[in-house]
Amino acid sequence: DAIVRTSKNKISVMDIHRLFILGKDIPMLKTFDKSTMCFIYSKCEDIIETIPNSALEITTLNKRVLKLGSNSSILTRNGFIKIKDLSIDSFLATNGVPCYQNKLWLENAIREV
């Protein structure tokens, strides 16, 4: 199950879904604002359930496993692109990889687009 960074802690997507179904407060979710090119915390407005088989699993060269929905976008050297448009040699920025957390690297990656 995917883990999401929130304003309080890290939480699984399944736990966020449970909170939503129970009508409980969901912490603000860490998201990337394309207009400001910064990470921000945003309120969860809605949760859309999808077909379980629509998830994709990508294994990177450094053996990180990414589980994403088929309509997901991911940050690459060419900006955010849909998973379906990735090629075998795409450079992915993944959460938890030091260069992705480095503000200077992120700014340079965005400028290259």
PDB file of N, CA and C in Angstrom:
ATOM      1  N   ASP A   1       0.838  -1.186   0.000  1.00  0.00           N
ATOM      2  CA  ASP A   1       0.000   0.000   0.000  1.00  0.00           C
ATOM      3  C   ASP A   1       0.883   1.250   0.000  1.00  0.00           C
ATOM      4  N   ALA A   2       0.531   2.221  -0.792  1.00  0.00           N
ATOM      5  CA  ALA A   2       1.315   3.451  -0.914  1.00  0.00           C
ATOM      6  C   ALA A   2       1.234   4.263   0.379  1.00  0.00           C
ATOM      7  N   ILE A   3       2.329   4.948   0.682  1.00  0.00           N
ATOM      8  CA  ILE A   3       2.412   5.814   1.862  1.00  0.00           C
ATOM      9  C   ILE A   3       2.424   7.262   1.392  1.00  0.00           C
ATOM     10  N   VAL A   4       1.671   8.105   2.088  1.00  0.00           N
ATOM     11  CA  VAL A   4       1.557   9.519   1.742  1.00  0.00           C
ATOM     12  C   VAL A   4       2.068  10.349   2.915  1.00  0.00           C
ATOM     13  N   ARG A   5       2.825  11.390   2.600  1.00  0.00           N
ATOM     14  CA  ARG A   5       3.286  12.311   3.647  1.00  0.00           C
ATOM     15  C   ARG A   5       2.165  13.307   3.924  1.00  0.00           C
ATOM     16  N   THR A   6       1.858  13.502   5.204  1.00  0.00           N
ATOM     17  CA  THR A   6       0.807  14.446   5.590  1.00  0.00           C
ATOM     18  C   THR A   6       1.382  15.494   6.532  1.00  0.00           C
ATOM     19  N   SER A   7       0.540  16.445   6.905  1.00  0.00           N
ATOM     20  CA  SER A   7       0.968  17.500   7.824  1.00  0.00           C
ATOM     21  C   SER A   7       1.258  16.951   9.216  1.00  0.00           C
ATOM     22  N   LYS A   8       0.774  15.756   9.532  1.00  0.00           N
ATOM     23  CA  LYS A   8       0.986  15.170  10.854  1.00  0.00           C
ATOM     24  C   LYS A   8       2.036  14.060  10.841  1.00  0.00           C
ATOM     25  N   ASN A   9       2.001  13.204   9.831  1.00  0.00           N
ATOM     26  CA  ASN A   9       2.918  12.059   9.752  1.00  0.00           C
ATOM     27  C   ASN A   9       2.741  11.383   8.404  1.00  0.00           C
ATOM     28  N   LYS A  10       3.375  10.244   8.243  1.00  0.00           N
ATOM     29  CA  LYS A  10       3.158   9.445   7.036  1.00  0.00           C
ATOM     30  C   LYS A  10       1.989   8.507   7.312  1.00  0.00           C
ATOM     31  N   ILE A  11       1.156   8.286   6.303  1.00  0.00           N
ATOM     32  CA  ILE A  11      -0.031   7.453   6.471  1.00  0.00           C
ATOM     33  C   ILE A  11      -0.292   6.704   5.168  1.00  0.00           C
ATOM     34  N   SER A  12      -0.818   5.510   5.274  1.00  0.00           N
ATOM     35  CA  SER A  12      -1.091   4.726   4.068  1.00  0.00           C
ATOM     36  C   SER A  12      -2.340   5.264   3.365  1.00  0.00           C
ATOM     37  N   VAL A  13      -2.391   5.049   2.064  1.00  0.00           N
ATOM     38  CA  VAL A  13      -3.554   5.468   1.283  1.00  0.00           C
ATOM     39  C   VAL A  13      -4.804   4.748   1.803  1.00  0.00           C
ATOM     40  N   MET A  14      -4.659   3.486   2.178  1.00  0.00           N
ATOM     41  CA  MET A  14      -5.799   2.728   2.718  1.00  0.00           C
ATOM     42  C   MET A  14      -6.326   3.374   4.005  1.00  0.00           C
ATOM     43  N   ASP A  15      -5.418   3.832   4.877  1.00  0.00           N
ATOM     44  CA  ASP A  15      -5.850   4.486   6.116  1.00  0.00           C
ATOM     45  C   ASP A  15      -6.533   5.817   5.831  1.00  0.00           C
ATOM     46  N   ILE A  16      -6.053   6.553   4.829  1.00  0.00           N
ATOM     47  CA  ILE A  16      -6.719   7.798   4.432  1.00  0.00           C
ATOM     48  C   ILE A  16      -8.127   7.475   3.948  1.00  0.00           C
ATOM     49  N   HIS A  17      -8.258   6.425   3.159  1.00  0.00           N
ATOM     50  CA  HIS A  17      -9.568   6.008   2.655  1.00  0.00           C
ATOM     51  C   HIS A  17     -10.499   5.638   3.811  1.00  0.00           C
ATOM     52  N   ARG A  18      -9.984   4.910   4.801  1.00  0.00           N
ATOM     53  CA  ARG A  18     -10.799   4.541   5.972  1.00  0.00           C
ATOM     54  C   ARG A  18     -11.285   5.781   6.710  1.00  0.00           C
ATOM     55  N   LEU A  19     -10.394   6.747   6.933  1.00  0.00           N
ATOM     56  CA  LEU A  19     -10.788   7.989   7.602  1.00  0.00           C
ATOM     57  C   LEU A  19     -11.885   8.696   6.819  1.00  0.00           C
ATOM     58  N   PHE A  20     -11.736   8.728   5.498  1.00  0.00           N
ATOM     59  CA  PHE A  20     -12.714   9.379   4.627  1.00  0.00           C
ATOM     60  C   PHE A  20     -14.083   8.699   4.739  1.00  0.00           C
ATOM     61  N   ILE A  21     -14.106   7.374   4.659  1.00  0.00           N
ATOM     62  CA  ILE A  21     -15.354   6.607   4.744  1.00  0.00           C
ATOM     63  C   ILE A  21     -16.037   6.821   6.090  1.00  0.00           C
ATOM     64  N   LEU A  22     -15.234   6.901   7.161  1.00  0.00           N
ATOM     65  CA  LEU A  22     -15.783   7.094   8.501  1.00  0.00           C
ATOM     66  C   LEU A  22     -16.146   8.547   8.797  1.00  0.00           C
ATOM     67  N   GLY A  23     -15.861   9.444   7.865  1.00  0.00           N
ATOM     68  CA  GLY A  23     -16.182  10.857   8.062  1.00  0.00           C
ATOM     69  C   GLY A  23     -15.260  11.554   9.045  1.00  0.00           C
ATOM     70  N   LYS A  24     -14.081  11.002   9.268  1.00  0.00           N
ATOM     71  CA  LYS A  24     -13.124  11.593  10.209  1.00  0.00           C
ATOM     72  C   LYS A  24     -12.231  12.597   9.480  1.00  0.00           C
ATOM     73  N   ASP A  25     -11.560  13.434  10.270  1.00  0.00           N
ATOM     74  CA  ASP A  25     -10.645  14.429   9.695  1.00  0.00           C
ATOM     75  C   ASP A  25      -9.436  13.745   9.061  1.00  0.00           C
ATOM     76  N   ILE A  26      -9.081  14.199   7.878  1.00  0.00           N
ATOM     77  CA  ILE A  26      -7.901  13.698   7.167  1.00  0.00           C
ATOM     78  C   ILE A  26      -6.846  14.795   7.242  1.00  0.00           C
ATOM     79  N   PRO A  27      -5.620  14.447   7.669  1.00  0.00           N
ATOM     80  CA  PRO A  27      -4.576  15.475   7.706  1.00  0.00           C
ATOM     81  C   PRO A  27      -4.323  16.036   6.311  1.00  0.00           C
ATOM     82  N   MET A  28      -3.744  17.227   6.249  1.00  0.00           N
ATOM     83  CA  MET A  28      -3.397  17.828   4.961  1.00  0.00           C
ATOM     84  C   MET A  28      -2.374  16.921   4.272  1.00  0.00           C
ATOM     85  N   LEU A  29      -2.508  16.765   2.949  1.00  0.00           N
ATOM     86  CA  LEU A  29      -1.645  15.882   2.174  1.00  0.00           C
ATOM     87  C   LEU A  29      -0.561  16.689   1.467  1.00  0.00           C
ATOM     88  N   LYS A  30       0.674  16.175   1.454  1.00  0.00           N
ATOM     89  CA  LYS A  30       1.767  16.862   0.769  1.00  0.00           C
ATOM     90  C   LYS A  30       1.619  16.631  -0.726  1.00  0.00           C
ATOM     91  N   THR A  31       1.542  17.726  -1.491  1.00  0.00           N
ATOM     92  CA  THR A  31       1.350  17.655  -2.934  1.00  0.00           C
ATOM     93  C   THR A  31       2.330  18.613  -3.615  1.00  0.00           C
ATOM     94  N   PHE A  32       2.452  18.462  -4.928  1.00  0.00           N
ATOM     95  CA  PHE A  32       3.316  19.348  -5.703  1.00  0.00           C
ATOM     96  C   PHE A  32       2.444  20.309  -6.492  1.00  0.00           C
ATOM     97  N   ASP A  33       2.629  21.611  -6.251  1.00  0.00           N
ATOM     98  CA  ASP A  33       1.871  22.639  -6.944  1.00  0.00           C
ATOM     99  C   ASP A  33       2.621  23.026  -8.220  1.00  0.00           C
ATOM    100  N   LYS A  34       2.078  22.641  -9.381  1.00  0.00           N
ATOM    101  CA  LYS A  34       2.751  22.892 -10.655  1.00  0.00           C
ATOM    102  C   LYS A  34       2.880  24.391 -10.948  1.00  0.00           C
ATOM    103  N   SER A  35       1.948  25.199 -10.444  1.00  0.00           N
ATOM    104  CA  SER A  35       1.996  26.633 -10.757  1.00  0.00           C
ATOM    105  C   SER A  35       3.122  27.347 -10.017  1.00  0.00           C
ATOM    106  N   THR A  36       3.427  26.923  -8.788  1.00  0.00           N
ATOM    107  CA  THR A  36       4.501  27.562  -8.016  1.00  0.00           C
ATOM    108  C   THR A  36       5.775  26.727  -7.991  1.00  0.00           C
ATOM    109  N   MET A  37       5.683  25.484  -8.488  1.00  0.00           N
ATOM    110  CA  MET A  37       6.807  24.537  -8.497  1.00  0.00           C
ATOM    111  C   MET A  37       7.330  24.265  -7.088  1.00  0.00           C
ATOM    112  N   CYS A  38       6.407  24.212  -6.127  1.00  0.00           N
ATOM    113  CA  CYS A  38       6.762  23.959  -4.733  1.00  0.00           C
ATOM    114  C   CYS A  38       5.866  22.874  -4.159  1.00  0.00           C
ATOM    115  N   PHE A  39       6.370  22.205  -3.128  1.00  0.00           N
ATOM    116  CA  PHE A  39       5.538  21.261  -2.396  1.00  0.00           C
ATOM    117  C   PHE A  39       4.710  22.036  -1.385  1.00  0.00           C
ATOM    118  N   ILE A  40       3.447  21.668  -1.276  1.00  0.00           N
ATOM    119  CA  ILE A  40       2.533  22.318  -0.329  1.00  0.00           C
ATOM    120  C   ILE A  40       1.674  21.245   0.325  1.00  0.00           C
ATOM    121  N   TYR A  41       1.026  21.605   1.406  1.00  0.00           N
ATOM    122  CA  TYR A  41       0.054  20.710   2.040  1.00  0.00           C
ATOM    123  C   TYR A  41      -1.334  21.151   1.598  1.00  0.00           C
ATOM    124  N   SER A  42      -2.129  20.186   1.153  1.00  0.00           N
ATOM    125  CA  SER A  42      -3.458  20.473   0.622  1.00  0.00           C
ATOM    126  C   SER A  42      -4.509  19.623   1.320  1.00  0.00           C
ATOM    127  N   LYS A  43      -5.711  20.171   1.393  1.00  0.00           N
ATOM    128  CA  LYS A  43      -6.848  19.456   1.969  1.00  0.00           C
ATOM    129  C   LYS A  43      -7.343  18.404   0.976  1.00  0.00           C
ATOM    130  N   CYS A  44      -7.689  17.242   1.485  1.00  0.00           N
ATOM    131  CA  CYS A  44      -8.259  16.180   0.653  1.00  0.00           C
ATOM    132  C   CYS A  44      -9.737  16.505   0.425  1.00  0.00           C
ATOM    133  N   GLU A  45     -10.103  16.775  -0.807  1.00  0.00           N
ATOM    134  CA  GLU A  45     -11.478  17.145  -1.142  1.00  0.00           C
ATOM    135  C   GLU A  45     -12.376  15.942  -1.377  1.00  0.00           C
ATOM    136  N   ASP A  46     -11.820  14.899  -1.998  1.00  0.00           N
ATOM    137  CA  ASP A  46     -12.627  13.738  -2.358  1.00  0.00           C
ATOM    138  C   ASP A  46     -11.713  12.554  -2.605  1.00  0.00           C
ATOM    139  N   ILE A  47     -12.252  11.374  -2.488  1.00  0.00           N
ATOM    140  CA  ILE A  47     -11.524  10.153  -2.802  1.00  0.00           C
ATOM    141  C   ILE A  47     -12.352   9.392  -3.818  1.00  0.00           C
ATOM    142  N   ILE A  48     -11.708   9.011  -4.898  1.00  0.00           N
ATOM    143  CA  ILE A  48     -12.388   8.272  -5.953  1.00  0.00           C
ATOM    144  C   ILE A  48     -11.867   6.845  -5.943  1.00  0.00           C
ATOM    145  N   GLU A  49     -12.745   5.889  -5.764  1.00  0.00           N
ATOM    146  CA  GLU A  49     -12.334   4.494  -5.784  1.00  0.00           C
ATOM    147  C   GLU A  49     -12.164   4.042  -7.229  1.00  0.00           C
ATOM    148  N   THR A  50     -11.105   3.297  -7.472  1.00  0.00           N
ATOM    149  CA  THR A  50     -10.832   2.817  -8.826  1.00  0.00           C
ATOM    150  C   THR A  50     -10.835   1.295  -8.854  1.00  0.00           C
ATOM    151  N   ILE A  51     -10.785   0.777 -10.030  1.00  0.00           N
ATOM    152  CA  ILE A  51     -10.729  -0.672 -10.198  1.00  0.00           C
ATOM    153  C   ILE A  51      -9.372  -1.159  -9.696  1.00  0.00           C
ATOM    154  N   PRO A  52      -9.334  -2.181  -8.835  1.00  0.00           N
ATOM    155  CA  PRO A  52      -8.062  -2.637  -8.272  1.00  0.00           C
ATOM    156  C   PRO A  52      -7.000  -2.991  -9.323  1.00  0.00           C
ATOM    157  N   ASN A  53      -7.379  -3.508 -10.464  1.00  0.00           N
ATOM    158  CA  ASN A  53      -6.409  -3.925 -11.474  1.00  0.00           C
ATOM    159  C   ASN A  53      -5.803  -2.748 -12.230  1.00  0.00           C
ATOM    160  N   SER A  54      -6.225  -1.514 -11.943  1.00  0.00           N
ATOM    161  CA  SER A  54      -5.704  -0.372 -12.685  1.00  0.00           C
ATOM    162  C   SER A  54      -4.361   0.116 -12.147  1.00  0.00           C
ATOM    163  N   ALA A  55      -3.845  -0.536 -11.107  1.00  0.00           N
ATOM    164  CA  ALA A  55      -2.562  -0.127 -10.545  1.00  0.00           C
ATOM    165  C   ALA A  55      -1.410  -0.699 -11.364  1.00  0.00           C
ATOM    166  N   LEU A  56      -0.348   0.081 -11.459  1.00  0.00           N
ATOM    167  CA  LEU A  56       0.859  -0.350 -12.162  1.00  0.00           C
ATOM    168  C   LEU A  56       2.016  -0.386 -11.184  1.00  0.00           C
ATOM    169  N   GLU A  57       2.953  -1.269 -11.415  1.00  0.00           N
ATOM    170  CA  GLU A  57       4.140  -1.357 -10.574  1.00  0.00           C
ATOM    171  C   GLU A  57       5.361  -1.135 -11.447  1.00  0.00           C
ATOM    172  N   ILE A  58       6.199  -0.178 -11.043  1.00  0.00           N
ATOM    173  CA  ILE A  58       7.417   0.147 -11.779  1.00  0.00           C
ATOM    174  C   ILE A  58       8.595  -0.131 -10.852  1.00  0.00           C
ATOM    175  N   THR A  59       9.577  -0.875 -11.335  1.00  0.00           N
ATOM    176  CA  THR A  59      10.798  -1.120 -10.572  1.00  0.00           C
ATOM    177  C   THR A  59      11.927  -0.335 -11.235  1.00  0.00           C
ATOM    178  N   THR A  60      12.597   0.503 -10.452  1.00  0.00           N
ATOM    179  CA  THR A  60      13.674   1.338 -10.979  1.00  0.00           C
ATOM    180  C   THR A  60      15.003   0.590 -10.942  1.00  0.00           C
ATOM    181  N   LEU A  61      16.024   1.163 -11.585  1.00  0.00           N
ATOM    182  CA  LEU A  61      17.347   0.539 -11.591  1.00  0.00           C
ATOM    183  C   LEU A  61      17.900   0.330 -10.191  1.00  0.00           C
ATOM    184  N   ASN A  62      17.584   1.253  -9.272  1.00  0.00           N
ATOM    185  CA  ASN A  62      18.083   1.103  -7.902  1.00  0.00           C
ATOM    186  C   ASN A  62      17.131   0.270  -7.042  1.00  0.00           C
ATOM    187  N   LYS A  63      16.261  -0.489  -7.714  1.00  0.00           N
ATOM    188  CA  LYS A  63      15.365  -1.481  -7.091  1.00  0.00           C
ATOM    189  C   LYS A  63      14.245  -0.877  -6.253  1.00  0.00           C
ATOM    190  N   ARG A  64      13.967   0.423  -6.421  1.00  0.00           N
ATOM    191  CA  ARG A  64      12.793   1.014  -5.757  1.00  0.00           C
ATOM    192  C   ARG A  64      11.562   0.569  -6.526  1.00  0.00           C
ATOM    193  N   VAL A  65      10.518   0.216  -5.807  1.00  0.00           N
ATOM    194  CA  VAL A  65       9.274  -0.226  -6.446  1.00  0.00           C
ATOM    195  C   VAL A  65       8.235   0.873  -6.262  1.00  0.00           C
ATOM    196  N   LEU A  66       7.665   1.335  -7.372  1.00  0.00           N
ATOM    197  CA  LEU A  66       6.634   2.366  -7.352  1.00  0.00           C
ATOM    198  C   LEU A  66       5.317   1.713  -7.734  1.00  0.00           C
ATOM    199  N   LYS A  67       4.290   1.935  -6.933  1.00  0.00           N
ATOM    200  CA  LYS A  67       2.956   1.439  -7.256  1.00  0.00           C
ATOM    201  C   LYS A  67       2.089   2.649  -7.541  1.00  0.00           C
ATOM    202  N   LEU A  68       1.601   2.737  -8.775  1.00  0.00           N
ATOM    203  CA  LEU A  68       0.888   3.929  -9.223  1.00  0.00           C
ATOM    204  C   LEU A  68      -0.368   3.536  -9.979  1.00  0.00           C
ATOM    205  N   GLY A  69      -1.344   4.415  -9.957  1.00  0.00           N
ATOM    206  CA  GLY A  69      -2.536   4.218 -10.768  1.00  0.00           C
ATOM    207  C   GLY A  69      -2.212   4.454 -12.236  1.00  0.00           C
ATOM    208  N   SER A  70      -2.962   3.845 -13.116  1.00  0.00           N
ATOM    209  CA  SER A  70      -2.672   3.949 -14.545  1.00  0.00           C
ATOM    210  C   SER A  70      -2.832   5.374 -15.073  1.00  0.00           C
ATOM    211  N   ASN A  71      -3.556   6.233 -14.359  1.00  0.00           N
ATOM    212  CA  ASN A  71      -3.711   7.631 -14.781  1.00  0.00           C
ATOM    213  C   ASN A  71      -2.746   8.573 -14.068  1.00  0.00           C
ATOM    214  N   SER A  72      -1.848   8.024 -13.269  1.00  0.00           N
ATOM    215  CA  SER A  72      -0.915   8.842 -12.497  1.00  0.00           C
ATOM    216  C   SER A  72       0.090   9.542 -13.398  1.00  0.00           C
ATOM    217  N   SER A  73       0.627  10.647 -12.880  1.00  0.00           N
ATOM    218  CA  SER A  73       1.744  11.335 -13.519  1.00  0.00           C
ATOM    219  C   SER A  73       2.929  11.239 -12.586  1.00  0.00           C
ATOM    220  N   ILE A  74       4.123  11.313 -13.143  1.00  0.00           N
ATOM    221  CA  ILE A  74       5.327  11.252 -12.319  1.00  0.00           C
ATOM    222  C   ILE A  74       6.309  12.295 -12.833  1.00  0.00           C
ATOM    223  N   LEU A  75       7.095  12.849 -11.914  1.00  0.00           N
ATOM    224  CA  LEU A  75       8.070  13.879 -12.278  1.00  0.00           C
ATOM    225  C   LEU A  75       9.269  13.236 -12.961  1.00  0.00           C
ATOM    226  N   THR A  76       9.608  13.745 -14.149  1.00  0.00           N
ATOM    227  CA  THR A  76      10.767  13.296 -14.916  1.00  0.00           C
ATOM    228  C   THR A  76      11.597  14.521 -15.281  1.00  0.00           C
ATOM    229  N   ARG A  77      12.678  14.311 -15.991  1.00  0.00           N
ATOM    230  CA  ARG A  77      13.477  15.457 -16.459  1.00  0.00           C
ATOM    231  C   ARG A  77      12.688  16.314 -17.436  1.00  0.00           C
ATOM    232  N   ASN A  78      11.643  15.767 -18.011  1.00  0.00           N
ATOM    233  CA  ASN A  78      10.803  16.508 -18.954  1.00  0.00           C
ATOM    234  C   ASN A  78       9.531  17.020 -18.297  1.00  0.00           C
ATOM    235  N   GLY A  79       9.533  17.139 -16.978  1.00  0.00           N
ATOM    236  CA  GLY A  79       8.354  17.578 -16.240  1.00  0.00           C
ATOM    237  C   GLY A  79       7.471  16.390 -15.886  1.00  0.00           C
ATOM    238  N   PHE A  80       6.251  16.679 -15.480  1.00  0.00           N
ATOM    239  CA  PHE A  80       5.319  15.617 -15.121  1.00  0.00           C
ATOM    240  C   PHE A  80       4.750  14.995 -16.388  1.00  0.00           C
ATOM    241  N   ILE A  81       4.816  13.678 -16.469  1.00  0.00           N
ATOM    242  CA  ILE A  81       4.222  12.977 -17.605  1.00  0.00           C
ATOM    243  C   ILE A  81       3.385  11.808 -17.109  1.00  0.00           C
ATOM    244  N   LYS A  82       2.429  11.398 -17.916  1.00  0.00           N
ATOM    245  CA  LYS A  82       1.564  10.261 -17.582  1.00  0.00           C
ATOM    246  C   LYS A  82       2.382   8.971 -17.611  1.00  0.00           C
ATOM    247  N   ILE A  83       2.034   8.048 -16.737  1.00  0.00           N
ATOM    248  CA  ILE A  83       2.721   6.761 -16.657  1.00  0.00           C
ATOM    249  C   ILE A  83       2.738   6.067 -18.022  1.00  0.00           C
ATOM    250  N   LYS A  84       1.635   6.149 -18.743  1.00  0.00           N
ATOM    251  CA  LYS A  84       1.540   5.466 -20.042  1.00  0.00           C
ATOM    252  C   LYS A  84       2.545   6.010 -21.064  1.00  0.00           C
ATOM    253  N   ASP A  85       3.073   7.226 -20.827  1.00  0.00           N
ATOM    254  CA  ASP A  85       4.019   7.837 -21.761  1.00  0.00           C
ATOM    255  C   ASP A  85       5.482   7.620 -21.381  1.00  0.00           C
ATOM    256  N   LEU A  86       5.737   6.857 -20.294  1.00  0.00           N
ATOM    257  CA  LEU A  86       7.117   6.575 -19.890  1.00  0.00           C
ATOM    258  C   LEU A  86       7.772   5.622 -20.874  1.00  0.00           C
ATOM    259  N   SER A  87       9.073   5.770 -21.017  1.00  0.00           N
ATOM    260  CA  SER A  87       9.837   4.802 -21.805  1.00  0.00           C
ATOM    261  C   SER A  87      10.798   4.080 -20.862  1.00  0.00           C
ATOM    262  N   ILE A  88      11.402   3.027 -21.336  1.00  0.00           N
ATOM    263  CA  ILE A  88      12.284   2.209 -20.506  1.00  0.00           C
ATOM    264  C   ILE A  88      13.467   3.003 -19.962  1.00  0.00           C
ATOM    265  N   ASP A  89      13.885   4.072 -20.647  1.00  0.00           N
ATOM    266  CA  ASP A  89      15.030   4.861 -20.192  1.00  0.00           C
ATOM    267  C   ASP A  89      14.634   6.197 -19.558  1.00  0.00           C
ATOM    268  N   SER A  90      13.366   6.355 -19.180  1.00  0.00           N
ATOM    269  CA  SER A  90      12.923   7.600 -18.540  1.00  0.00           C
ATOM    270  C   SER A  90      13.631   7.788 -17.201  1.00  0.00           C
ATOM    271  N   PHE A  91      14.008   9.036 -16.905  1.00  0.00           N
ATOM    272  CA  PHE A  91      14.610   9.397 -15.627  1.00  0.00           C
ATOM    273  C   PHE A  91      13.475   9.818 -14.703  1.00  0.00           C
ATOM    274  N   LEU A  92      13.274   9.096 -13.598  1.00  0.00           N
ATOM    275  CA  LEU A  92      12.169   9.370 -12.678  1.00  0.00           C
ATOM    276  C   LEU A  92      12.689  10.012 -11.400  1.00  0.00           C
ATOM    277  N   ALA A  93      11.959  10.975 -10.897  1.00  0.00           N
ATOM    278  CA  ALA A  93      12.233  11.541  -9.580  1.00  0.00           C
ATOM    279  C   ALA A  93      11.275  10.854  -8.625  1.00  0.00           C
ATOM    280  N   THR A  94      11.816  10.158  -7.650  1.00  0.00           N
ATOM    281  CA  THR A  94      10.961   9.404  -6.735  1.00  0.00           C
ATOM    282  C   THR A  94      11.092   9.942  -5.318  1.00  0.00           C
ATOM    283  N   ASN A  95      10.009   9.949  -4.580  1.00  0.00           N
ATOM    284  CA  ASN A  95      10.009  10.437  -3.212  1.00  0.00           C
ATOM    285  C   ASN A  95      10.961   9.592  -2.371  1.00  0.00           C
ATOM    286  N   GLY A  96      11.795  10.246  -1.601  1.00  0.00           N
ATOM    287  CA  GLY A  96      12.731   9.534  -0.752  1.00  0.00           C
ATOM    288  C   GLY A  96      14.122   9.410  -1.345  1.00  0.00           C
ATOM    289  N   VAL A  97      14.271   9.683  -2.624  1.00  0.00           N
ATOM    290  CA  VAL A  97      15.588   9.674  -3.242  1.00  0.00           C
ATOM    291  C   VAL A  97      16.208  11.040  -2.965  1.00  0.00           C
ATOM    292  N   PRO A  98      17.445  11.101  -2.468  1.00  0.00           N
ATOM    293  CA  PRO A  98      18.027  12.382  -2.064  1.00  0.00           C
ATOM    294  C   PRO A  98      17.916  13.505  -3.092  1.00  0.00           C
ATOM    295  N   CYS A  99      18.133  13.229  -4.402  1.00  0.00           N
ATOM    296  CA  CYS A  99      18.081  14.321  -5.374  1.00  0.00           C
ATOM    297  C   CYS A  99      16.680  14.918  -5.481  1.00  0.00           C
ATOM    298  N   TYR A 100      15.659  14.129  -5.235  1.00  0.00           N
ATOM    299  CA  TYR A 100      14.283  14.616  -5.314  1.00  0.00           C
ATOM    300  C   TYR A 100      13.988  15.571  -4.163  1.00  0.00           C
ATOM    301  N   GLN A 101      14.638  15.350  -3.033  1.00  0.00           N
ATOM    302  CA  GLN A 101      14.411  16.186  -1.862  1.00  0.00           C
ATOM    303  C   GLN A 101      15.298  17.427  -1.873  1.00  0.00           C
ATOM    304  N   ASN A 102      16.229  17.493  -2.804  1.00  0.00           N
ATOM    305  CA  ASN A 102      17.152  18.601  -2.898  1.00  0.00           C
ATOM    306  C   ASN A 102      16.515  19.732  -3.708  1.00  0.00           C
ATOM    307  N   LYS A 103      16.242  20.856  -3.068  1.00  0.00           N
ATOM    308  CA  LYS A 103      15.535  21.967  -3.720  1.00  0.00           C
ATOM    309  C   LYS A 103      16.280  22.468  -4.960  1.00  0.00           C
ATOM    310  N   LEU A 104      17.604  22.570  -4.887  1.00  0.00           N
ATOM    311  CA  LEU A 104      18.385  23.041  -6.027  1.00  0.00           C
ATOM    312  C   LEU A 104      18.254  22.076  -7.208  1.00  0.00           C
ATOM    313  N   TRP A 105      18.346  20.762  -6.940  1.00  0.00           N
ATOM    314  CA  TRP A 105      18.195  19.778  -8.017  1.00  0.00           C
ATOM    315  C   TRP A 105      16.821  19.901  -8.661  1.00  0.00           C
ATOM    316  N   LEU A 106      15.782  20.036  -7.833  1.00  0.00           N
ATOM    317  CA  LEU A 106      14.418  20.134  -8.342  1.00  0.00           C
ATOM    318  C   LEU A 106      14.251  21.384  -9.210  1.00  0.00           C
ATOM    319  N   GLU A 107      14.782  22.524  -8.747  1.00  0.00           N
ATOM    320  CA  GLU A 107      14.704  23.756  -9.534  1.00  0.00           C
ATOM    321  C   GLU A 107      15.405  23.596 -10.878  1.00  0.00           C
ATOM    322  N   ASN A 108      16.582  22.975 -10.887  1.00  0.00           N
ATOM    323  CA  ASN A 108      17.318  22.757 -12.130  1.00  0.00           C
ATOM    324  C   ASN A 108      16.576  21.794 -13.049  1.00  0.00           C
ATOM    325  N   ALA A 109      15.987  20.746 -12.489  1.00  0.00           N
ATOM    326  CA  ALA A 109      15.229  19.787 -13.291  1.00  0.00           C
ATOM    327  C   ALA A 109      14.040  20.466 -13.952  1.00  0.00           C
ATOM    328  N   ILE A 110      13.395  21.364 -13.241  1.00  0.00           N
ATOM    329  CA  ILE A 110      12.230  22.081 -13.786  1.00  0.00           C
ATOM    330  C   ILE A 110      12.676  23.050 -14.869  1.00  0.00           C
ATOM    331  N   ARG A 111      13.827  23.727 -14.694  1.00  0.00           N
ATOM    332  CA  ARG A 111      14.344  24.663 -15.692  1.00  0.00           C
ATOM    333  C   ARG A 111      14.690  23.979 -17.004  1.00  0.00           C
ATOM    334  N   GLU A 112      15.134  22.715 -16.920  1.00  0.00           N
ATOM    335  CA  GLU A 112      15.516  21.975 -18.124  1.00  0.00           C
ATOM    336  C   GLU A 112      14.335  21.642 -19.012  1.00  0.00           C
ATOM    337  N   VAL A 113      13.145  21.708 -18.468  1.00  0.00           N
ATOM    338  CA  VAL A 113      11.949  21.302 -19.226  1.00  0.00           C
ATOM    339  C   VAL A 113      11.636  22.243 -20.334  1.00  0.00           C
TER     340      VAL A 113
END
